[in-house]
Each structure stands twice: as structure tokens, then as C-alpha cells.
Amino acid sequence: MSKHFEDARYYLGRAAEHAKAGVKEELAPIEARVKDLVGIDDDEEPEPSRLDRLQADLKDLEERAEGEAREAVASARERVADYRGRDAAKAE
């Protein structure tokens, strides 16, 4: 690509960024008025979406399954240790 096109592309990108910032700045008071009229508070957290609820449920299930797996492993280790202890007693 020619250096001129690269420069033009760069400056168009910068111009778009500045235009976006200018539009945001100009519309900020209007956005605030609309939010006041509609009753939207910026400090309020929105209700969790369906995806957020599903992710939270999956996290809970994962933690519960992990706990159950740890308990099963501990129980199996105890049984193996008991079995080995009885086996050693028979050998004597």
C-alpha cells in the first residue's frame, strides 16, 4: 500500500475517533434527561440476564461436584489404607 494511502487511513481513523467523542459529548446532556424521564438510574445494577443466571448455577454445580469428588477420593483412600492395614496384619 502506498505511503499516502497509509497516512490517509490513519488520519481517517483519528477523525472518526474524534467525531465519536464529540457526538458523545454533545449527546450526554440529552441522554441524562432521557434517563431522568424514564427513571433509569446509573447506579442501579441491572437484573442478571439469563446467561448470567445460568453461569452462576453452573458455578454452583461445579463447586458442589468438586466437593463431592474430594469426599469420594478421601473415602477411597481410607478404604485402601484400611485394606492394606488388614493385609499387613495377615502377613505377620
N, C-alpha and C. Protein backbone atom coordinates (compact mmCIF):
# COMPACT_ATOMS: atom_id res chain seq x y z
N MET A 1 0.85 -1.17 0.00
CA MET A 1 0.00 0.00 0.00
C MET A 1 0.91 1.23 0.00
N SER A 2 0.53 2.20 -0.75
CA SER A 2 1.29 3.43 -0.86
C SER A 2 1.31 4.17 0.47
N LYS A 3 2.37 4.87 0.73
CA LYS A 3 2.51 5.64 1.97
C LYS A 3 1.38 6.66 2.11
N HIS A 4 0.94 7.21 0.99
CA HIS A 4 -0.15 8.20 1.03
C HIS A 4 -1.45 7.56 1.52
N PHE A 5 -1.73 6.34 1.06
CA PHE A 5 -2.95 5.65 1.49
C PHE A 5 -2.85 5.27 2.97
N GLU A 6 -1.67 4.85 3.40
CA GLU A 6 -1.50 4.52 4.82
C GLU A 6 -1.74 5.74 5.69
N ASP A 7 -1.18 6.89 5.26
CA ASP A 7 -1.39 8.13 6.01
C ASP A 7 -2.86 8.52 6.04
N ALA A 8 -3.51 8.43 4.87
CA ALA A 8 -4.93 8.79 4.79
C ALA A 8 -5.77 7.89 5.68
N ARG A 9 -5.46 6.62 5.68
CA ARG A 9 -6.21 5.66 6.51
C ARG A 9 -6.03 6.00 7.99
N TYR A 10 -4.80 6.32 8.38
CA TYR A 10 -4.53 6.68 9.77
C TYR A 10 -5.33 7.92 10.18
N TYR A 11 -5.28 8.96 9.35
CA TYR A 11 -5.97 10.20 9.70
C TYR A 11 -7.48 10.06 9.66
N LEU A 12 -8.00 9.21 8.78
CA LEU A 12 -9.45 8.94 8.79
C LEU A 12 -9.86 8.25 10.09
N GLY A 13 -9.02 7.34 10.56
CA GLY A 13 -9.30 6.67 11.83
C GLY A 13 -9.32 7.65 12.98
N ARG A 14 -8.35 8.54 13.00
CA ARG A 14 -8.29 9.55 14.06
C ARG A 14 -9.49 10.47 13.99
N ALA A 15 -9.88 10.86 12.76
CA ALA A 15 -11.03 11.74 12.60
C ALA A 15 -12.30 11.06 13.09
N ALA A 16 -12.43 9.77 12.82
CA ALA A 16 -13.61 9.03 13.29
C ALA A 16 -13.64 8.97 14.81
N GLU A 17 -12.48 8.75 15.43
CA GLU A 17 -12.42 8.71 16.90
C GLU A 17 -12.83 10.06 17.49
N HIS A 18 -12.33 11.14 16.92
CA HIS A 18 -12.67 12.48 17.42
C HIS A 18 -14.15 12.79 17.18
N ALA A 19 -14.69 12.38 16.05
CA ALA A 19 -16.11 12.61 15.78
C ALA A 19 -16.97 11.85 16.78
N LYS A 20 -16.59 10.62 17.08
CA LYS A 20 -17.34 9.81 18.04
C LYS A 20 -17.32 10.47 19.41
N ALA A 21 -16.14 10.92 19.84
CA ALA A 21 -16.03 11.59 21.14
C ALA A 21 -16.86 12.86 21.17
N GLY A 22 -16.87 13.62 20.07
CA GLY A 22 -17.66 14.85 20.01
C GLY A 22 -19.14 14.58 20.09
N VAL A 23 -19.61 13.56 19.39
CA VAL A 23 -21.03 13.21 19.43
C VAL A 23 -21.42 12.77 20.83
N LYS A 24 -20.58 11.97 21.47
CA LYS A 24 -20.88 11.53 22.85
C LYS A 24 -20.99 12.73 23.78
N GLU A 25 -20.06 13.66 23.63
CA GLU A 25 -20.05 14.84 24.49
C GLU A 25 -21.30 15.70 24.26
N GLU A 26 -21.69 15.86 23.02
CA GLU A 26 -22.86 16.68 22.71
C GLU A 26 -24.16 16.02 23.17
N LEU A 27 -24.22 14.70 23.12
CA LEU A 27 -25.46 14.00 23.47
C LEU A 27 -25.55 13.64 24.94
N ALA A 28 -24.52 13.83 25.71
CA ALA A 28 -24.52 13.46 27.14
C ALA A 28 -25.66 14.15 27.90
N PRO A 29 -25.88 15.46 27.74
CA PRO A 29 -26.99 16.08 28.49
C PRO A 29 -28.36 15.53 28.07
N ILE A 30 -28.53 15.25 26.80
CA ILE A 30 -29.80 14.71 26.32
C ILE A 30 -30.01 13.31 26.89
N GLU A 31 -28.95 12.52 26.91
CA GLU A 31 -29.04 11.17 27.49
C GLU A 31 -29.43 11.24 28.97
N ALA A 32 -28.84 12.18 29.69
CA ALA A 32 -29.16 12.32 31.12
C ALA A 32 -30.62 12.70 31.32
N ARG A 33 -31.14 13.60 30.48
CA ARG A 33 -32.55 14.00 30.60
C ARG A 33 -33.48 12.84 30.29
N VAL A 34 -33.15 12.06 29.26
CA VAL A 34 -33.99 10.92 28.90
C VAL A 34 -33.98 9.89 30.03
N LYS A 35 -32.82 9.65 30.60
CA LYS A 35 -32.74 8.68 31.71
C LYS A 35 -33.55 9.16 32.91
N ASP A 36 -33.53 10.47 33.17
CA ASP A 36 -34.33 11.02 34.27
C ASP A 36 -35.82 10.83 33.99
N LEU A 37 -36.24 11.08 32.76
CA LEU A 37 -37.64 10.94 32.40
C LEU A 37 -38.10 9.50 32.47
N VAL A 38 -37.25 8.59 32.03
CA VAL A 38 -37.62 7.17 32.01
C VAL A 38 -37.47 6.55 33.39
N GLY A 39 -36.60 7.13 34.21
CA GLY A 39 -36.40 6.60 35.55
C GLY A 39 -35.26 5.61 35.65
N ILE A 40 -34.32 5.71 34.75
CA ILE A 40 -33.16 4.82 34.78
C ILE A 40 -32.09 5.47 35.64
N ASP A 41 -31.57 4.70 36.60
CA ASP A 41 -30.53 5.20 37.49
C ASP A 41 -29.22 4.52 37.11
N ASP A 42 -28.18 5.31 36.89
CA ASP A 42 -26.89 4.75 36.51
C ASP A 42 -26.26 3.91 37.62
N ASP A 43 -26.62 4.21 38.88
CA ASP A 43 -26.04 3.49 40.00
C ASP A 43 -26.65 2.11 40.19
N GLU A 44 -27.85 1.91 39.67
CA GLU A 44 -28.52 0.61 39.82
C GLU A 44 -27.83 -0.44 38.96
N GLU A 45 -27.71 -1.60 39.54
CA GLU A 45 -27.19 -2.71 38.75
C GLU A 45 -28.37 -3.36 38.04
N PRO A 46 -28.23 -3.67 36.77
CA PRO A 46 -29.33 -4.29 36.05
C PRO A 46 -29.56 -5.72 36.56
N GLU A 47 -30.76 -6.21 36.35
CA GLU A 47 -31.05 -7.59 36.73
C GLU A 47 -30.14 -8.52 35.96
N PRO A 48 -29.73 -9.61 36.60
CA PRO A 48 -28.86 -10.53 35.87
C PRO A 48 -29.60 -11.13 34.68
N SER A 49 -28.90 -11.25 33.60
CA SER A 49 -29.50 -11.82 32.40
C SER A 49 -29.64 -13.33 32.57
N ARG A 50 -30.32 -13.93 31.64
CA ARG A 50 -30.49 -15.38 31.69
C ARG A 50 -29.14 -16.08 31.64
N LEU A 51 -28.24 -15.56 30.81
CA LEU A 51 -26.91 -16.14 30.71
C LEU A 51 -26.17 -16.02 32.03
N ASP A 52 -26.27 -14.86 32.68
CA ASP A 52 -25.60 -14.67 33.97
C ASP A 52 -26.13 -15.65 35.02
N ARG A 53 -27.45 -15.85 35.03
CA ARG A 53 -28.04 -16.80 35.99
C ARG A 53 -27.57 -18.22 35.71
N LEU A 54 -27.52 -18.59 34.42
CA LEU A 54 -27.05 -19.93 34.07
C LEU A 54 -25.59 -20.13 34.46
N GLN A 55 -24.78 -19.11 34.23
CA GLN A 55 -23.37 -19.21 34.60
C GLN A 55 -23.21 -19.35 36.11
N ALA A 56 -24.00 -18.62 36.88
CA ALA A 56 -23.94 -18.73 38.33
C ALA A 56 -24.37 -20.13 38.77
N ASP A 57 -25.43 -20.66 38.16
CA ASP A 57 -25.88 -22.01 38.50
C ASP A 57 -24.82 -23.05 38.17
N LEU A 58 -24.18 -22.89 37.01
CA LEU A 58 -23.13 -23.83 36.63
C LEU A 58 -21.94 -23.76 37.58
N LYS A 59 -21.62 -22.56 38.05
CA LYS A 59 -20.52 -22.40 39.01
C LYS A 59 -20.85 -23.12 40.30
N ASP A 60 -22.09 -22.97 40.77
CA ASP A 60 -22.52 -23.67 41.99
C ASP A 60 -22.43 -25.17 41.81
N LEU A 61 -22.91 -25.66 40.68
CA LEU A 61 -22.85 -27.10 40.42
C LEU A 61 -21.41 -27.59 40.36
N GLU A 62 -20.55 -26.80 39.76
CA GLU A 62 -19.14 -27.18 39.66
C GLU A 62 -18.51 -27.28 41.05
N GLU A 63 -18.80 -26.31 41.91
CA GLU A 63 -18.25 -26.32 43.26
C GLU A 63 -18.78 -27.51 44.06
N ARG A 64 -20.06 -27.80 43.90
CA ARG A 64 -20.65 -28.92 44.62
C ARG A 64 -20.06 -30.25 44.14
N ALA A 65 -19.91 -30.38 42.82
CA ALA A 65 -19.32 -31.61 42.27
C ALA A 65 -17.88 -31.77 42.72
N GLU A 66 -17.15 -30.67 42.78
CA GLU A 66 -15.77 -30.74 43.23
C GLU A 66 -15.70 -31.21 44.69
N GLY A 67 -16.59 -30.69 45.52
CA GLY A 67 -16.62 -31.11 46.92
C GLY A 67 -16.97 -32.58 47.05
N GLU A 68 -17.95 -33.04 46.28
CA GLU A 68 -18.33 -34.45 46.34
C GLU A 68 -17.19 -35.34 45.85
N ALA A 69 -16.47 -34.89 44.83
CA ALA A 69 -15.34 -35.67 44.32
C ALA A 69 -14.24 -35.76 45.37
N ARG A 70 -13.98 -34.67 46.06
CA ARG A 70 -12.96 -34.70 47.13
C ARG A 70 -13.35 -35.68 48.23
N GLU A 71 -14.64 -35.66 48.60
CA GLU A 71 -15.11 -36.59 49.63
C GLU A 71 -14.97 -38.04 49.17
N ALA A 72 -15.29 -38.31 47.91
CA ALA A 72 -15.19 -39.68 47.38
C ALA A 72 -13.74 -40.14 47.35
N VAL A 73 -12.84 -39.27 46.98
CA VAL A 73 -11.42 -39.63 46.95
C VAL A 73 -10.91 -39.90 48.36
N ALA A 74 -11.30 -39.05 49.31
CA ALA A 74 -10.87 -39.26 50.70
C ALA A 74 -11.40 -40.57 51.23
N SER A 75 -12.65 -40.88 50.93
CA SER A 75 -13.24 -42.15 51.38
C SER A 75 -12.51 -43.34 50.76
N ALA A 76 -12.21 -43.25 49.48
CA ALA A 76 -11.49 -44.34 48.81
C ALA A 76 -10.11 -44.52 49.40
N ARG A 77 -9.44 -43.44 49.71
CA ARG A 77 -8.10 -43.54 50.32
C ARG A 77 -8.17 -44.22 51.67
N GLU A 78 -9.20 -43.87 52.45
CA GLU A 78 -9.36 -44.51 53.76
C GLU A 78 -9.59 -46.01 53.61
N ARG A 79 -10.44 -46.39 52.66
CA ARG A 79 -10.71 -47.81 52.45
C ARG A 79 -9.46 -48.56 52.00
N VAL A 80 -8.67 -47.95 51.13
CA VAL A 80 -7.43 -48.59 50.67
C VAL A 80 -6.46 -48.72 51.83
N ALA A 81 -6.35 -47.68 52.66
CA ALA A 81 -5.45 -47.73 53.81
C ALA A 81 -5.90 -48.82 54.78
N ASP A 82 -7.22 -48.94 55.03
CA ASP A 82 -7.73 -49.99 55.90
C ASP A 82 -7.44 -51.37 55.32
N TYR A 83 -7.64 -51.52 54.04
CA TYR A 83 -7.39 -52.80 53.38
C TYR A 83 -5.92 -53.18 53.49
N ARG A 84 -5.05 -52.23 53.25
CA ARG A 84 -3.61 -52.50 53.34
C ARG A 84 -3.22 -52.83 54.78
N GLY A 85 -3.85 -52.19 55.72
CA GLY A 85 -3.56 -52.47 57.13
C GLY A 85 -3.96 -53.88 57.50
N ARG A 86 -5.11 -54.33 57.03
CA ARG A 86 -5.55 -55.71 57.31
C ARG A 86 -4.67 -56.71 56.61
N ASP A 87 -4.25 -56.36 55.38
CA ASP A 87 -3.39 -57.25 54.59
C ASP A 87 -2.04 -57.41 55.28
N ALA A 88 -1.51 -56.36 55.87
CA ALA A 88 -0.21 -56.43 56.57
C ALA A 88 -0.35 -57.26 57.83
N ALA A 89 -1.53 -57.17 58.49
CA ALA A 89 -1.73 -57.93 59.71
C ALA A 89 -1.80 -59.43 59.40
N LYS A 90 -2.36 -59.81 58.28
CA LYS A 90 -2.44 -61.21 57.88
C LYS A 90 -1.07 -61.79 57.58
N ALA A 91 -0.18 -60.97 57.04
CA ALA A 91 1.15 -61.44 56.66
C ALA A 91 1.99 -61.78 57.88
N GLU A 92 1.71 -61.21 59.00
CA GLU A 92 2.51 -61.46 60.19
C GLU A 92 2.16 -62.74 60.81
